[in-house]
N, C-alpha and C. Protein backbone atom coordinates (compact mmCIF):
# COMPACT_ATOMS: atom_id res chain seq x y z
N UNK A 1 -15.25 -27.71 -30.95
CA UNK A 1 -13.99 -27.25 -30.41
C UNK A 1 -14.26 -26.65 -29.02
N UNK A 2 -13.47 -27.08 -28.03
CA UNK A 2 -13.63 -26.61 -26.66
C UNK A 2 -12.87 -25.33 -26.39
N UNK A 3 -13.10 -24.76 -25.20
CA UNK A 3 -12.46 -23.51 -24.81
C UNK A 3 -10.94 -23.67 -24.75
N UNK A 4 -10.47 -24.81 -24.21
CA UNK A 4 -9.02 -25.02 -24.12
C UNK A 4 -8.36 -24.97 -25.49
N UNK A 5 -9.00 -25.59 -26.46
CA UNK A 5 -8.42 -25.62 -27.79
C UNK A 5 -8.38 -24.22 -28.42
N UNK A 6 -9.40 -23.40 -28.15
CA UNK A 6 -9.45 -22.06 -28.71
C UNK A 6 -8.30 -21.22 -28.15
N UNK A 7 -8.11 -21.28 -26.83
CA UNK A 7 -7.10 -20.45 -26.20
C UNK A 7 -5.69 -21.02 -26.29
N UNK A 8 -5.54 -22.30 -26.45
CA UNK A 8 -4.20 -22.88 -26.53
C UNK A 8 -3.52 -22.54 -27.85
N UNK A 9 -4.27 -22.24 -28.89
CA UNK A 9 -3.69 -21.87 -30.17
C UNK A 9 -3.39 -20.38 -30.27
N UNK A 10 -3.77 -19.63 -29.26
CA UNK A 10 -3.55 -18.19 -29.26
C UNK A 10 -2.05 -17.92 -29.14
N UNK A 11 -1.48 -17.03 -29.95
CA UNK A 11 -0.03 -16.75 -29.87
C UNK A 11 0.32 -16.07 -28.55
N UNK A 12 1.50 -16.37 -28.06
CA UNK A 12 2.01 -15.79 -26.82
C UNK A 12 3.37 -15.17 -27.09
N UNK A 13 3.77 -14.28 -26.21
CA UNK A 13 5.09 -13.65 -26.28
C UNK A 13 6.15 -14.75 -26.28
N UNK A 14 7.20 -14.59 -27.06
CA UNK A 14 8.24 -15.61 -27.21
C UNK A 14 9.32 -15.53 -26.12
N UNK A 15 9.20 -14.58 -25.21
CA UNK A 15 10.20 -14.42 -24.14
C UNK A 15 10.11 -15.58 -23.16
N UNK A 16 11.27 -16.00 -22.66
CA UNK A 16 11.33 -17.03 -21.61
C UNK A 16 11.83 -16.36 -20.34
N UNK A 17 11.07 -16.52 -19.27
CA UNK A 17 11.42 -15.92 -17.98
C UNK A 17 12.64 -16.61 -17.38
N UNK A 18 13.22 -15.99 -16.34
CA UNK A 18 14.42 -16.53 -15.70
C UNK A 18 14.23 -17.95 -15.18
N UNK A 19 13.00 -18.24 -14.75
CA UNK A 19 12.73 -19.58 -14.21
C UNK A 19 12.41 -20.60 -15.30
N UNK A 20 12.51 -20.19 -16.57
CA UNK A 20 12.29 -21.11 -17.68
C UNK A 20 10.87 -21.15 -18.21
N UNK A 21 9.94 -20.49 -17.54
CA UNK A 21 8.55 -20.49 -18.00
C UNK A 21 8.36 -19.43 -19.08
N UNK A 22 7.44 -19.70 -20.02
CA UNK A 22 7.21 -18.73 -21.09
C UNK A 22 6.38 -17.54 -20.58
N UNK A 23 6.59 -16.37 -21.19
CA UNK A 23 5.76 -15.20 -20.87
C UNK A 23 4.34 -15.51 -21.34
N UNK A 24 3.35 -15.15 -20.57
CA UNK A 24 1.96 -15.48 -20.90
C UNK A 24 1.22 -14.30 -21.54
N UNK A 25 1.92 -13.19 -21.78
CA UNK A 25 1.28 -12.01 -22.35
C UNK A 25 1.05 -12.18 -23.85
N UNK A 26 0.08 -11.43 -24.36
CA UNK A 26 -0.17 -11.43 -25.80
C UNK A 26 0.94 -10.65 -26.49
N UNK A 27 1.42 -11.12 -27.64
CA UNK A 27 2.44 -10.36 -28.37
C UNK A 27 1.82 -9.15 -29.05
N UNK A 28 2.67 -8.20 -29.40
CA UNK A 28 2.19 -7.04 -30.15
C UNK A 28 1.78 -7.50 -31.55
N UNK A 29 0.93 -6.79 -32.17
CA UNK A 29 0.46 -7.15 -33.50
C UNK A 29 1.63 -7.24 -34.48
N UNK A 30 1.78 -8.41 -35.09
CA UNK A 30 2.82 -8.63 -36.09
C UNK A 30 4.21 -8.82 -35.51
N UNK A 31 4.33 -8.99 -34.20
CA UNK A 31 5.64 -9.17 -33.57
C UNK A 31 5.60 -10.40 -32.67
N UNK A 32 6.77 -10.99 -32.40
CA UNK A 32 6.79 -12.18 -31.56
C UNK A 32 6.81 -11.88 -30.05
N UNK A 33 7.02 -10.59 -29.65
CA UNK A 33 7.16 -10.24 -28.24
C UNK A 33 6.06 -9.27 -27.79
N UNK A 34 5.78 -9.31 -26.50
CA UNK A 34 4.89 -8.31 -25.90
C UNK A 34 5.69 -7.01 -25.74
N UNK A 35 5.02 -5.94 -25.41
CA UNK A 35 5.68 -4.64 -25.26
C UNK A 35 6.83 -4.70 -24.26
N UNK A 36 6.65 -5.43 -23.17
CA UNK A 36 7.65 -5.46 -22.09
C UNK A 36 8.91 -6.27 -22.45
N UNK A 37 8.81 -7.16 -23.43
CA UNK A 37 9.97 -7.99 -23.78
C UNK A 37 10.52 -7.71 -25.17
N UNK A 38 9.92 -6.82 -25.91
CA UNK A 38 10.38 -6.50 -27.26
C UNK A 38 11.65 -5.65 -27.18
N UNK A 39 12.77 -6.16 -27.69
CA UNK A 39 14.03 -5.39 -27.64
C UNK A 39 13.93 -4.05 -28.38
N UNK A 40 13.06 -3.97 -29.39
CA UNK A 40 12.91 -2.74 -30.17
C UNK A 40 12.17 -1.65 -29.38
N UNK A 41 11.50 -2.03 -28.31
CA UNK A 41 10.69 -1.08 -27.53
C UNK A 41 11.41 -0.57 -26.28
N UNK A 42 12.71 -0.84 -26.17
CA UNK A 42 13.46 -0.49 -24.96
C UNK A 42 13.37 1.01 -24.65
N UNK A 43 13.54 1.86 -25.65
CA UNK A 43 13.48 3.31 -25.43
C UNK A 43 12.09 3.76 -25.02
N UNK A 44 11.06 3.18 -25.62
CA UNK A 44 9.68 3.53 -25.26
C UNK A 44 9.38 3.10 -23.82
N UNK A 45 9.88 1.93 -23.42
CA UNK A 45 9.67 1.46 -22.04
C UNK A 45 10.34 2.41 -21.05
N UNK A 46 11.57 2.83 -21.37
CA UNK A 46 12.30 3.75 -20.48
C UNK A 46 11.54 5.08 -20.36
N UNK A 47 11.03 5.58 -21.48
CA UNK A 47 10.28 6.84 -21.47
C UNK A 47 8.99 6.68 -20.65
N UNK A 48 8.33 5.54 -20.79
CA UNK A 48 7.09 5.29 -20.05
C UNK A 48 7.37 5.22 -18.55
N UNK A 49 8.48 4.56 -18.17
CA UNK A 49 8.85 4.49 -16.74
C UNK A 49 9.12 5.88 -16.18
N UNK A 50 9.85 6.68 -16.95
CA UNK A 50 10.19 8.03 -16.51
C UNK A 50 8.93 8.87 -16.35
N UNK A 51 8.06 8.79 -17.34
CA UNK A 51 6.82 9.56 -17.29
C UNK A 51 5.95 9.11 -16.12
N UNK A 52 5.90 7.82 -15.88
CA UNK A 52 5.13 7.31 -14.75
C UNK A 52 5.68 7.79 -13.42
N UNK A 53 7.00 7.83 -13.31
CA UNK A 53 7.63 8.32 -12.08
C UNK A 53 7.36 9.79 -11.85
N UNK A 54 7.39 10.58 -12.93
CA UNK A 54 7.12 12.01 -12.82
C UNK A 54 5.68 12.26 -12.39
N UNK A 55 4.76 11.53 -12.99
CA UNK A 55 3.35 11.68 -12.63
C UNK A 55 3.13 11.30 -11.17
N UNK A 56 3.76 10.22 -10.74
CA UNK A 56 3.60 9.77 -9.35
C UNK A 56 4.20 10.78 -8.38
N UNK A 57 5.35 11.36 -8.73
CA UNK A 57 5.98 12.37 -7.88
C UNK A 57 5.09 13.59 -7.74
N UNK A 58 4.51 14.03 -8.85
CA UNK A 58 3.62 15.19 -8.79
C UNK A 58 2.40 14.89 -7.94
N UNK A 59 1.83 13.69 -8.10
CA UNK A 59 0.64 13.32 -7.34
C UNK A 59 0.95 13.27 -5.85
N UNK A 60 2.12 12.75 -5.49
CA UNK A 60 2.50 12.69 -4.08
C UNK A 60 2.71 14.08 -3.52
N UNK A 61 3.37 14.95 -4.28
CA UNK A 61 3.63 16.32 -3.82
C UNK A 61 2.32 17.08 -3.65
N UNK A 62 1.36 16.86 -4.54
CA UNK A 62 0.08 17.54 -4.43
C UNK A 62 -0.75 16.97 -3.29
N UNK A 63 -0.58 15.70 -3.00
CA UNK A 63 -1.38 15.05 -1.97
C UNK A 63 -0.96 15.47 -0.57
N UNK A 64 0.35 15.56 -0.32
CA UNK A 64 0.85 15.90 1.00
C UNK A 64 1.00 17.41 1.12
N UNK A 65 0.17 18.00 1.96
CA UNK A 65 0.25 19.44 2.12
C UNK A 65 -0.06 19.82 3.56
N UNK A 66 0.56 20.89 3.97
CA UNK A 66 0.28 21.51 5.26
C UNK A 66 -0.11 22.95 4.98
N UNK A 67 -0.91 23.54 5.84
CA UNK A 67 -1.28 24.94 5.61
C UNK A 67 -0.04 25.83 5.62
N UNK A 68 0.03 26.81 4.73
CA UNK A 68 1.23 27.65 4.65
C UNK A 68 1.44 28.51 5.90
N UNK A 69 0.39 28.83 6.62
CA UNK A 69 0.50 29.69 7.80
C UNK A 69 0.39 28.89 9.10
N UNK A 70 0.90 27.67 9.09
CA UNK A 70 0.82 26.81 10.27
C UNK A 70 1.62 27.45 11.41
N UNK A 71 0.96 27.80 12.52
CA UNK A 71 1.69 28.47 13.60
C UNK A 71 2.54 27.49 14.40
N UNK A 72 3.63 28.02 14.97
CA UNK A 72 4.49 27.24 15.84
C UNK A 72 3.84 27.22 17.21
N UNK A 73 3.72 26.05 17.80
CA UNK A 73 3.11 25.92 19.11
C UNK A 73 4.10 25.31 20.08
N UNK A 74 4.09 25.82 21.28
CA UNK A 74 4.91 25.24 22.34
C UNK A 74 4.21 23.97 22.82
N UNK A 75 4.95 22.89 22.91
CA UNK A 75 4.37 21.60 23.30
C UNK A 75 5.07 21.13 24.58
N UNK A 76 4.84 21.83 25.66
CA UNK A 76 5.53 21.52 26.90
C UNK A 76 4.70 20.70 27.87
N UNK A 77 3.38 20.72 27.70
CA UNK A 77 2.51 19.99 28.62
C UNK A 77 1.57 19.08 27.81
N UNK A 78 1.02 18.06 28.47
CA UNK A 78 0.03 17.23 27.78
C UNK A 78 -1.15 18.05 27.26
N UNK A 79 -1.50 19.10 27.95
CA UNK A 79 -2.59 19.96 27.50
C UNK A 79 -2.24 20.64 26.18
N UNK A 80 -0.97 21.08 26.04
CA UNK A 80 -0.51 21.68 24.78
C UNK A 80 -0.63 20.68 23.63
N UNK A 81 -0.25 19.43 23.90
CA UNK A 81 -0.31 18.38 22.87
C UNK A 81 -1.76 18.08 22.51
N UNK A 82 -2.63 18.04 23.52
CA UNK A 82 -4.06 17.81 23.27
C UNK A 82 -4.63 18.93 22.40
N UNK A 83 -4.21 20.17 22.65
CA UNK A 83 -4.68 21.30 21.83
C UNK A 83 -4.22 21.13 20.37
N UNK A 84 -2.95 20.71 20.20
CA UNK A 84 -2.43 20.47 18.85
C UNK A 84 -3.24 19.38 18.14
N UNK A 85 -3.52 18.29 18.84
CA UNK A 85 -4.29 17.20 18.23
C UNK A 85 -5.70 17.67 17.86
N UNK A 86 -6.31 18.44 18.74
CA UNK A 86 -7.65 18.96 18.46
C UNK A 86 -7.63 19.86 17.23
N UNK A 87 -6.65 20.73 17.16
CA UNK A 87 -6.52 21.62 16.00
C UNK A 87 -6.25 20.83 14.72
N UNK A 88 -5.40 19.80 14.81
CA UNK A 88 -5.08 18.97 13.65
C UNK A 88 -6.33 18.26 13.13
N UNK A 89 -7.13 17.75 14.03
CA UNK A 89 -8.37 17.07 13.63
C UNK A 89 -9.28 18.04 12.89
N UNK A 90 -9.43 19.25 13.44
CA UNK A 90 -10.28 20.23 12.78
C UNK A 90 -9.73 20.66 11.42
N UNK A 91 -8.40 20.81 11.33
CA UNK A 91 -7.80 21.16 10.03
C UNK A 91 -8.04 20.05 9.00
N UNK A 92 -7.94 18.81 9.44
CA UNK A 92 -8.19 17.69 8.53
C UNK A 92 -9.65 17.68 8.08
N UNK A 93 -10.56 17.86 9.03
CA UNK A 93 -11.99 17.85 8.69
C UNK A 93 -12.37 19.00 7.76
N UNK A 94 -11.67 20.12 7.86
CA UNK A 94 -11.95 21.27 6.98
C UNK A 94 -11.22 21.13 5.65
N UNK A 95 -10.38 20.09 5.49
CA UNK A 95 -9.65 19.88 4.24
C UNK A 95 -8.41 20.75 4.13
N UNK A 96 -7.92 21.27 5.25
CA UNK A 96 -6.74 22.14 5.22
C UNK A 96 -5.43 21.33 5.23
N UNK A 97 -5.47 20.10 5.71
CA UNK A 97 -4.31 19.22 5.64
C UNK A 97 -4.77 17.84 5.17
N UNK A 98 -3.86 17.09 4.59
CA UNK A 98 -4.20 15.77 4.08
C UNK A 98 -4.10 14.72 5.19
N UNK A 99 -4.60 13.54 4.92
CA UNK A 99 -4.65 12.47 5.91
C UNK A 99 -3.25 12.04 6.35
N UNK A 100 -2.31 11.92 5.42
CA UNK A 100 -0.95 11.49 5.79
C UNK A 100 -0.30 12.48 6.75
N UNK A 101 -0.48 13.77 6.51
CA UNK A 101 0.08 14.79 7.40
C UNK A 101 -0.59 14.73 8.77
N UNK A 102 -1.90 14.56 8.79
CA UNK A 102 -2.62 14.47 10.06
C UNK A 102 -2.16 13.23 10.85
N UNK A 103 -1.97 12.11 10.16
CA UNK A 103 -1.48 10.90 10.82
C UNK A 103 -0.08 11.10 11.39
N UNK A 104 0.78 11.76 10.62
CA UNK A 104 2.15 12.01 11.08
C UNK A 104 2.15 12.87 12.34
N UNK A 105 1.33 13.92 12.34
CA UNK A 105 1.24 14.79 13.52
C UNK A 105 0.73 13.98 14.71
N UNK A 106 -0.28 13.14 14.47
CA UNK A 106 -0.82 12.31 15.55
C UNK A 106 0.22 11.35 16.11
N UNK A 107 1.01 10.73 15.24
CA UNK A 107 2.04 9.79 15.70
C UNK A 107 3.12 10.51 16.50
N UNK A 108 3.55 11.67 16.01
CA UNK A 108 4.58 12.43 16.74
C UNK A 108 4.05 12.92 18.08
N UNK A 109 2.78 13.32 18.11
CA UNK A 109 2.17 13.76 19.37
C UNK A 109 2.11 12.60 20.37
N UNK A 110 1.82 11.42 19.88
CA UNK A 110 1.77 10.23 20.73
C UNK A 110 3.14 9.94 21.34
N UNK A 111 4.18 10.04 20.52
CA UNK A 111 5.55 9.83 21.02
C UNK A 111 5.89 10.89 22.08
N UNK A 112 5.53 12.13 21.79
CA UNK A 112 5.81 13.21 22.72
C UNK A 112 5.08 12.99 24.05
N UNK A 113 3.82 12.57 24.00
CA UNK A 113 3.08 12.28 25.23
C UNK A 113 3.72 11.14 26.01
N UNK A 114 4.21 10.13 25.31
CA UNK A 114 4.89 9.02 25.99
C UNK A 114 6.15 9.50 26.69
N UNK A 115 6.91 10.34 26.03
CA UNK A 115 8.12 10.89 26.64
C UNK A 115 7.78 11.77 27.85
N UNK A 116 6.71 12.54 27.74
CA UNK A 116 6.28 13.36 28.87
C UNK A 116 5.90 12.49 30.06
N UNK A 117 5.24 11.38 29.79
CA UNK A 117 4.84 10.47 30.86
C UNK A 117 6.07 9.88 31.55
N UNK A 118 7.06 9.47 30.78
CA UNK A 118 8.29 8.91 31.35
C UNK A 118 8.99 9.96 32.21
N UNK A 119 9.10 11.18 31.70
CA UNK A 119 9.76 12.25 32.44
C UNK A 119 9.00 12.55 33.73
N UNK A 120 7.68 12.61 33.66
CA UNK A 120 6.85 12.86 34.84
C UNK A 120 7.04 11.76 35.87
N UNK A 121 7.07 10.52 35.41
CA UNK A 121 7.26 9.38 36.33
C UNK A 121 8.64 9.45 36.99
N UNK A 122 9.64 9.78 36.23
CA UNK A 122 11.00 9.90 36.79
C UNK A 122 11.06 11.00 37.83
N UNK A 123 10.41 12.12 37.57
CA UNK A 123 10.40 13.23 38.54
C UNK A 123 9.67 12.83 39.82
N UNK A 124 8.57 12.10 39.68
CA UNK A 124 7.81 11.66 40.86
C UNK A 124 8.64 10.71 41.71
N UNK A 125 9.33 9.78 41.06
CA UNK A 125 10.17 8.82 41.79
C UNK A 125 11.28 9.57 42.52
N UNK A 126 11.91 10.54 41.86
CA UNK A 126 12.98 11.32 42.48
C UNK A 126 12.44 12.13 43.65
N UNK A 127 11.24 12.70 43.50
CA UNK A 127 10.64 13.49 44.58
C UNK A 127 10.30 12.60 45.78
N UNK A 128 9.77 11.43 45.51
CA UNK A 128 9.45 10.49 46.61
C UNK A 128 10.72 10.09 47.35
N UNK A 129 11.76 9.82 46.58
CA UNK A 129 13.03 9.41 47.18
C UNK A 129 13.59 10.53 48.05
N UNK A 130 13.52 11.77 47.58
CA UNK A 130 14.01 12.91 48.35
C UNK A 130 13.16 13.12 49.60
N UNK A 131 11.85 12.97 49.47
CA UNK A 131 10.94 13.15 50.60
C UNK A 131 11.18 12.07 51.65
N UNK A 132 11.40 10.85 51.19
CA UNK A 132 11.64 9.74 52.11
C UNK A 132 12.91 9.99 52.92
N UNK A 133 13.93 10.54 52.31
CA UNK A 133 15.17 10.83 53.02
C UNK A 133 14.95 11.92 54.06
N UNK A 134 14.06 12.89 53.78
CA UNK A 134 13.76 13.94 54.75
C UNK A 134 13.00 13.40 55.94
N UNK A 135 12.00 12.55 55.71
CA UNK A 135 11.15 12.02 56.77
C UNK A 135 11.90 10.98 57.59
N UNK A 136 12.60 10.10 56.91
CA UNK A 136 13.32 9.03 57.59
C UNK A 136 14.82 9.33 57.49
N UNK A 137 15.40 9.91 58.54
CA UNK A 137 16.80 10.29 58.44
C UNK A 137 17.72 9.10 58.36
N UNK A 138 17.26 7.92 58.63
CA UNK A 138 18.09 6.73 58.53
C UNK A 138 18.83 6.43 59.82
N UNK A 139 19.43 5.26 59.92
CA UNK A 139 20.07 4.82 61.17
C UNK A 139 21.28 5.66 61.55
N UNK A 140 21.97 6.24 60.59
CA UNK A 140 23.15 7.03 60.92
C UNK A 140 22.80 8.24 61.76
N UNK A 141 21.68 8.88 61.43
CA UNK A 141 21.28 10.08 62.18
C UNK A 141 20.81 9.74 63.59
N UNK A 142 20.23 8.56 63.81
CA UNK A 142 19.79 8.16 65.13
C UNK A 142 21.00 7.96 66.05
N UNK A 143 22.07 7.43 65.50
CA UNK A 143 23.26 7.15 66.30
C UNK A 143 23.93 8.43 66.76
N UNK A 144 23.79 9.49 66.00
CA UNK A 144 24.44 10.74 66.34
C UNK A 144 23.73 11.44 67.48
N UNK A 145 22.46 11.17 67.70
CA UNK A 145 21.69 11.84 68.78
C UNK A 145 21.90 11.23 70.10
């Protein structure tokens, strides 16, 4: 007797999937359905889902943490943001904050630095434009002299 013959006689769950294919799971002992398709196990499945969700919620809450005494820092200059990133790296390395929190702080700092760069560039362009008007009074002023 070959391997195919041994496994082809093995009982399978009697449930038929939406696409018409049979469920390939082993049935429960003495029953025609696996745990997931047994109509008698509906309440147990619901309880298992609920318990799994609660465990996952607790694990997520325990995983994401920030130090309780995290000081508020002014982030007005790129140097301020660099200080925050340096402090965040050290807090992560000391185990004071988790990786997800450190990543979030890093991403927000990156956005803030990008905004600072745009603002700085806009101010420089405006300053150049104002300076150019002072140096070059334009053709109207030449006509008045």
